[in-house]
N, C-alpha and C. Protein backbone atom coordinates (compact mmCIF):
# COMPACT_ATOMS: atom_id res chain seq x y z
N UNK A 1 -10.35 -4.77 7.53
CA UNK A 1 -9.31 -5.75 8.10
C UNK A 1 -8.11 -5.44 6.99
N UNK A 2 -8.54 -5.31 5.63
CA UNK A 2 -7.23 -5.20 4.75
C UNK A 2 -6.48 -4.09 4.96
N UNK A 3 -7.15 -2.87 5.46
CA UNK A 3 -6.39 -1.48 5.74
C UNK A 3 -5.65 -1.63 6.84
N UNK A 4 -6.12 -2.52 7.92
CA UNK A 4 -5.19 -2.73 9.13
C UNK A 4 -3.92 -3.41 8.75
N UNK A 5 -4.09 -4.51 7.90
CA UNK A 5 -2.78 -5.25 7.49
C UNK A 5 -1.93 -4.38 6.71
N UNK A 6 -2.42 -3.50 5.68
CA UNK A 6 -1.75 -2.50 4.94
C UNK A 6 -0.87 -1.72 5.92
N UNK A 7 -1.48 -0.97 6.95
CA UNK A 7 -0.96 -0.04 7.80
C UNK A 7 0.24 -0.99 8.64
N UNK A 8 -0.16 -2.10 8.99
CA UNK A 8 0.96 -2.83 9.75
C UNK A 8 2.22 -3.01 8.66
N UNK A 9 2.00 -3.53 7.52
CA UNK A 9 3.06 -3.63 6.58
C UNK A 9 3.75 -2.44 6.41
N UNK A 10 3.26 -1.24 6.26
CA UNK A 10 3.74 0.12 6.14
C UNK A 10 4.62 0.38 7.46
N UNK A 11 4.29 0.08 8.52
CA UNK A 11 4.83 0.19 9.51
C UNK A 11 6.31 -0.35 9.79
N UNK A 12 6.01 -1.65 9.22
CA UNK A 12 7.14 -2.54 9.37
C UNK A 12 8.18 -2.63 8.12
N UNK A 13 7.91 -1.93 7.21
CA UNK A 13 8.56 -1.93 5.76
C UNK A 13 10.13 -2.08 6.05
N UNK A 14 10.67 -1.39 6.96
CA UNK A 14 11.91 -1.31 7.20
C UNK A 14 12.76 -2.58 7.45
N UNK A 15 11.76 -3.54 8.18
CA UNK A 15 12.39 -4.71 8.36
C UNK A 15 12.12 -6.01 7.60
N UNK A 16 11.58 -5.48 6.25
CA UNK A 16 11.30 -6.57 5.23
C UNK A 16 12.68 -6.95 4.51
N UNK A 17 13.07 -8.04 4.32
CA UNK A 17 14.31 -8.46 3.45
C UNK A 17 13.65 -9.05 2.05
N UNK A 18 13.71 -8.10 1.12
CA UNK A 18 13.22 -8.48 -0.27
C UNK A 18 13.90 -9.59 -0.78
N UNK A 19 15.21 -9.90 -0.43
CA UNK A 19 16.08 -10.84 -0.84
C UNK A 19 15.96 -12.23 -0.35
N UNK A 20 15.03 -12.38 0.67
CA UNK A 20 14.58 -13.47 1.56
C UNK A 20 14.16 -14.55 0.54
N UNK A 21 14.67 -15.69 0.65
CA UNK A 21 14.35 -16.84 -0.34
C UNK A 21 13.07 -17.28 0.36
N UNK A 22 11.90 -17.34 -0.42
CA UNK A 22 10.59 -17.72 0.05
C UNK A 22 10.19 -19.12 -0.54
N UNK A 23 11.24 -19.54 -1.53
CA UNK A 23 10.62 -20.87 -2.13
C UNK A 23 10.15 -22.02 -1.35
N UNK A 24 10.85 -22.01 -0.13
CA UNK A 24 10.37 -23.26 0.87
C UNK A 24 9.11 -23.10 1.14
N UNK A 25 8.27 -21.90 1.14
CA UNK A 25 7.05 -21.76 1.65
C UNK A 25 6.10 -21.75 0.44
N UNK A 26 6.49 -22.09 -0.68
CA UNK A 26 5.47 -22.13 -1.80
C UNK A 26 4.54 -23.29 -1.58
N UNK A 27 3.28 -23.02 -2.15
CA UNK A 27 1.92 -23.94 -1.77
C UNK A 27 1.82 -24.73 -3.16
N UNK A 28 1.79 -25.89 -3.30
CA UNK A 28 1.67 -26.56 -4.67
C UNK A 28 0.05 -26.53 -4.98
N UNK A 29 -0.80 -26.77 -3.86
CA UNK A 29 -2.22 -26.84 -4.05
C UNK A 29 -3.00 -25.87 -3.33
N UNK A 30 -2.95 -24.44 -3.71
CA UNK A 30 -3.53 -23.45 -3.01
C UNK A 30 -5.13 -23.66 -2.62
N UNK A 31 -5.88 -24.25 -3.23
CA UNK A 31 -7.10 -24.58 -2.85
C UNK A 31 -7.09 -25.47 -1.45
N UNK A 32 -6.36 -26.65 -1.71
CA UNK A 32 -6.46 -27.63 -0.56
C UNK A 32 -5.72 -26.80 0.92
N UNK A 33 -4.73 -25.97 0.43
CA UNK A 33 -3.89 -25.23 1.32
C UNK A 33 -5.04 -24.33 2.36
N UNK A 34 -5.76 -23.66 1.58
CA UNK A 34 -6.57 -22.69 2.20
C UNK A 34 -7.74 -23.33 2.92
N UNK A 35 -8.23 -24.45 2.16
CA UNK A 35 -9.22 -25.20 3.18
C UNK A 35 -8.75 -25.77 4.23
N UNK A 36 -7.60 -26.41 4.32
CA UNK A 36 -6.88 -27.01 5.39
C UNK A 36 -6.81 -25.78 6.63
N UNK A 37 -6.25 -24.60 5.97
CA UNK A 37 -5.79 -23.67 6.84
C UNK A 37 -7.15 -23.21 7.76
N UNK A 38 -8.33 -22.98 6.95
CA UNK A 38 -9.42 -22.33 7.62
C UNK A 38 -9.93 -23.45 8.44
N UNK A 39 -9.97 -24.81 8.23
CA UNK A 39 -10.33 -25.97 9.08
C UNK A 39 -9.59 -25.96 10.37
N UNK A 40 -8.07 -25.66 10.19
CA UNK A 40 -7.18 -25.69 11.37
C UNK A 40 -7.52 -24.57 12.42
N UNK A 41 -8.14 -23.50 11.86
CA UNK A 41 -8.50 -22.27 12.70
C UNK A 41 -9.23 -22.91 13.98
N UNK A 42 -10.14 -24.01 13.77
CA UNK A 42 -10.79 -24.36 14.90
C UNK A 42 -10.01 -25.25 15.75
N UNK A 43 -8.84 -25.51 15.56
CA UNK A 43 -8.13 -26.35 16.43
C UNK A 43 -6.55 -26.01 16.22
N UNK A 44 -6.35 -24.77 16.68
CA UNK A 44 -4.97 -24.30 16.23
C UNK A 44 -3.98 -24.52 17.51
N UNK A 45 -4.44 -24.89 18.52
CA UNK A 45 -3.52 -24.97 19.71
C UNK A 45 -2.79 -23.99 20.42
N UNK A 46 -3.24 -22.63 20.09
CA UNK A 46 -2.42 -21.56 20.65
C UNK A 46 -3.11 -21.22 22.03
N UNK A 47 -2.26 -20.75 22.95
CA UNK A 47 -2.87 -20.54 24.24
C UNK A 47 -3.38 -19.24 24.52
N UNK A 48 -3.10 -18.23 23.55
CA UNK A 48 -3.52 -16.95 23.79
C UNK A 48 -4.76 -16.58 22.74
N UNK A 49 -5.66 -16.02 23.06
CA UNK A 49 -6.77 -15.57 22.23
C UNK A 49 -6.34 -14.87 21.11
N UNK A 50 -5.35 -13.82 21.37
CA UNK A 50 -5.13 -12.84 20.46
C UNK A 50 -4.47 -13.48 19.48
N UNK A 51 -3.74 -14.36 19.64
CA UNK A 51 -3.10 -15.24 18.45
C UNK A 51 -4.22 -15.75 17.50
N UNK A 52 -5.13 -16.41 18.01
CA UNK A 52 -6.45 -16.75 17.23
C UNK A 52 -6.95 -15.66 16.47
N UNK A 53 -7.16 -14.63 16.87
CA UNK A 53 -7.56 -13.40 16.02
C UNK A 53 -6.55 -13.14 15.11
N UNK A 54 -5.33 -13.01 15.26
CA UNK A 54 -4.51 -12.62 14.35
C UNK A 54 -4.28 -13.84 13.07
N UNK A 55 -4.51 -14.98 13.57
CA UNK A 55 -4.52 -16.15 12.44
C UNK A 55 -5.79 -15.88 11.60
N UNK A 56 -6.97 -15.66 12.38
CA UNK A 56 -8.16 -15.61 11.59
C UNK A 56 -8.24 -14.45 10.54
N UNK A 57 -7.84 -13.31 11.14
CA UNK A 57 -7.82 -12.11 10.17
C UNK A 57 -6.91 -12.04 9.24
N UNK A 58 -5.69 -12.53 9.46
CA UNK A 58 -4.80 -12.75 8.21
C UNK A 58 -5.31 -13.66 7.37
N UNK A 59 -5.52 -14.77 7.54
CA UNK A 59 -5.96 -15.88 6.51
C UNK A 59 -7.17 -15.22 5.78
N UNK A 60 -8.10 -14.68 6.51
CA UNK A 60 -9.35 -14.41 5.74
C UNK A 60 -8.93 -13.15 4.70
N UNK A 61 -8.11 -12.08 5.34
CA UNK A 61 -7.64 -11.04 4.45
C UNK A 61 -7.03 -11.74 3.26
N UNK A 62 -6.08 -12.47 3.38
CA UNK A 62 -5.49 -13.17 2.19
C UNK A 62 -6.33 -13.94 1.31
N UNK A 63 -7.28 -14.58 1.67
CA UNK A 63 -8.41 -15.11 0.89
C UNK A 63 -9.16 -14.22 0.08
N UNK A 64 -9.49 -12.95 0.84
CA UNK A 64 -10.38 -11.73 0.25
C UNK A 64 -9.43 -11.23 -1.05
N UNK A 65 -8.10 -11.11 -0.56
CA UNK A 65 -7.29 -10.39 -1.73
C UNK A 65 -7.09 -11.57 -2.95
N UNK A 66 -6.86 -12.70 -2.78
CA UNK A 66 -6.88 -13.59 -3.69
C UNK A 66 -8.00 -13.75 -4.62
N UNK A 67 -9.24 -13.51 -3.95
CA UNK A 67 -10.56 -13.45 -4.71
C UNK A 67 -10.65 -12.20 -5.43
N UNK A 68 -10.05 -11.06 -4.95
CA UNK A 68 -9.95 -9.73 -5.59
C UNK A 68 -8.91 -9.84 -6.95
N UNK A 69 -7.76 -10.50 -6.57
CA UNK A 69 -6.81 -10.60 -7.79
C UNK A 69 -6.36 -11.88 -7.69
N UNK A 70 -6.72 -13.02 -8.52
CA UNK A 70 -6.07 -14.27 -8.40
C UNK A 70 -4.61 -14.28 -8.76
N UNK A 71 -4.02 -13.42 -9.43
CA UNK A 71 -2.57 -13.55 -9.85
C UNK A 71 -1.79 -13.51 -8.45
N UNK A 72 -2.29 -12.79 -7.52
CA UNK A 72 -1.58 -12.71 -6.19
C UNK A 72 -1.52 -14.15 -5.48
N UNK A 73 -2.33 -15.16 -5.88
CA UNK A 73 -2.27 -16.26 -5.08
C UNK A 73 -0.98 -16.96 -4.82
N UNK A 74 -0.04 -17.21 -5.59
CA UNK A 74 1.20 -17.72 -5.32
C UNK A 74 1.97 -17.09 -4.24
N UNK A 75 2.09 -15.72 -4.13
CA UNK A 75 2.97 -15.06 -3.25
C UNK A 75 1.87 -14.86 -1.89
N UNK A 76 0.80 -14.93 -1.94
CA UNK A 76 -0.13 -14.90 -0.81
C UNK A 76 -0.18 -16.17 -0.01
N UNK A 77 -0.34 -17.08 -0.67
CA UNK A 77 -0.28 -18.45 -0.14
C UNK A 77 0.94 -19.00 0.59
N UNK A 78 2.11 -18.38 -0.21
CA UNK A 78 3.38 -18.68 0.41
C UNK A 78 3.61 -17.73 1.55
N UNK A 79 3.20 -16.68 1.75
CA UNK A 79 3.23 -15.63 2.96
C UNK A 79 2.32 -16.38 4.00
N UNK A 80 1.19 -16.71 3.60
CA UNK A 80 0.28 -17.24 4.63
C UNK A 80 0.77 -18.63 5.31
N UNK A 81 1.45 -19.42 4.33
CA UNK A 81 2.10 -20.62 4.71
C UNK A 81 3.23 -20.31 5.77
N UNK A 82 3.86 -19.48 5.52
CA UNK A 82 5.15 -18.87 6.56
C UNK A 82 4.41 -18.54 7.74
N UNK A 83 3.51 -17.64 7.83
CA UNK A 83 2.84 -17.01 8.80
C UNK A 83 2.23 -17.89 9.59
N UNK A 84 1.42 -18.82 9.25
CA UNK A 84 0.46 -19.89 10.02
C UNK A 84 1.40 -21.04 10.50
N UNK A 85 2.53 -20.94 9.97
CA UNK A 85 3.46 -22.42 10.54
C UNK A 85 4.69 -21.95 11.30
N UNK A 86 4.92 -20.45 11.43
CA UNK A 86 6.17 -20.10 11.97
C UNK A 86 5.87 -20.06 13.64
N UNK A 87 6.91 -20.23 14.35
CA UNK A 87 6.51 -20.12 15.84
C UNK A 87 6.14 -18.64 16.05
N UNK A 88 5.48 -18.43 17.11
CA UNK A 88 5.10 -17.03 17.50
C UNK A 88 5.98 -16.74 18.63
N UNK A 89 6.51 -15.52 18.50
CA UNK A 89 7.38 -15.22 19.49
C UNK A 89 6.69 -14.76 20.80
N UNK A 90 7.38 -14.87 21.92
CA UNK A 90 6.62 -14.23 23.21
C UNK A 90 6.44 -12.83 23.31
N UNK A 91 6.28 -12.42 24.40
CA UNK A 91 6.31 -11.01 24.59
C UNK A 91 7.70 -10.41 24.27
N UNK A 92 7.67 -9.21 23.89
CA UNK A 92 8.88 -8.31 23.74
C UNK A 92 9.14 -7.52 24.91
N UNK A 93 9.89 -7.98 25.97
CA UNK A 93 10.03 -7.64 27.20
C UNK A 93 10.61 -6.03 27.24
N UNK A 94 11.61 -5.97 26.41
CA UNK A 94 12.31 -4.73 26.21
C UNK A 94 11.48 -3.49 25.82
N UNK A 95 10.53 -3.95 24.61
CA UNK A 95 9.78 -3.05 24.11
C UNK A 95 8.64 -2.62 25.21
N UNK A 96 8.23 -3.38 25.78
CA UNK A 96 7.35 -3.21 26.91
C UNK A 96 7.63 -2.44 28.12
N UNK A 97 8.93 -2.74 28.47
CA UNK A 97 9.33 -1.78 29.46
C UNK A 97 9.74 -0.38 28.89
N UNK A 98 10.18 -0.18 27.89
CA UNK A 98 10.53 1.05 27.22
C UNK A 98 8.94 1.81 27.02
N UNK A 99 7.94 1.25 26.75
CA UNK A 99 6.79 1.73 26.54
C UNK A 99 6.22 2.26 27.84
N UNK A 100 6.40 1.31 28.76
CA UNK A 100 5.87 1.85 30.19
C UNK A 100 6.71 2.95 30.84
N UNK A 101 8.01 2.72 30.69
CA UNK A 101 8.86 3.87 31.04
C UNK A 101 8.57 5.08 30.43
N UNK A 102 8.25 5.05 29.19
CA UNK A 102 7.73 6.53 28.33
C UNK A 102 6.31 6.89 28.97
N UNK A 103 5.39 6.03 29.21
CA UNK A 103 4.32 6.38 29.76
C UNK A 103 4.33 7.01 31.06
N UNK A 104 5.37 6.45 32.02
CA UNK A 104 5.39 7.04 33.36
C UNK A 104 6.05 8.37 33.17
N UNK A 105 6.96 8.53 32.13
CA UNK A 105 7.55 10.02 32.06
C UNK A 105 6.62 10.97 31.48
N UNK A 106 5.48 10.60 30.96
CA UNK A 106 4.46 11.38 30.48
C UNK A 106 3.66 12.06 31.73
N UNK A 107 3.76 11.57 32.89
CA UNK A 107 2.89 12.03 33.91
C UNK A 107 3.55 12.81 34.74
C-alpha cells in the first residue's frame, strides 16, 4: 500500500506546489482526528466504491507511516485532512477520450 502511494506521488510530482499554504488543514488533536476519520469510513456518503477504497487505503497508509515515524504526524494529518474533506473530481473526460483514441490507434 505504501509503495503504491509512493509511486503515485512520484508520478504526480510535477503537479505539486511546494509553496501551497497548508496551515488551514492543520489538525490540533491528531488522535481524535484519526479516530473520527476511521469511524467515518463506515458512513462516508460516496456513491462510487472505488472512492471508498481510496479513502481507506490512504488513511490506513498514513496511520502506518505515523506509527513508523511519529515526527511525520503533523504533516500527514494535515494531508489526510485535506484529502478526506476535499471534493472528489468526477471523471476526466478529455483524459479518457485521449486514452481510448490511443488504444484504438494501437490496433
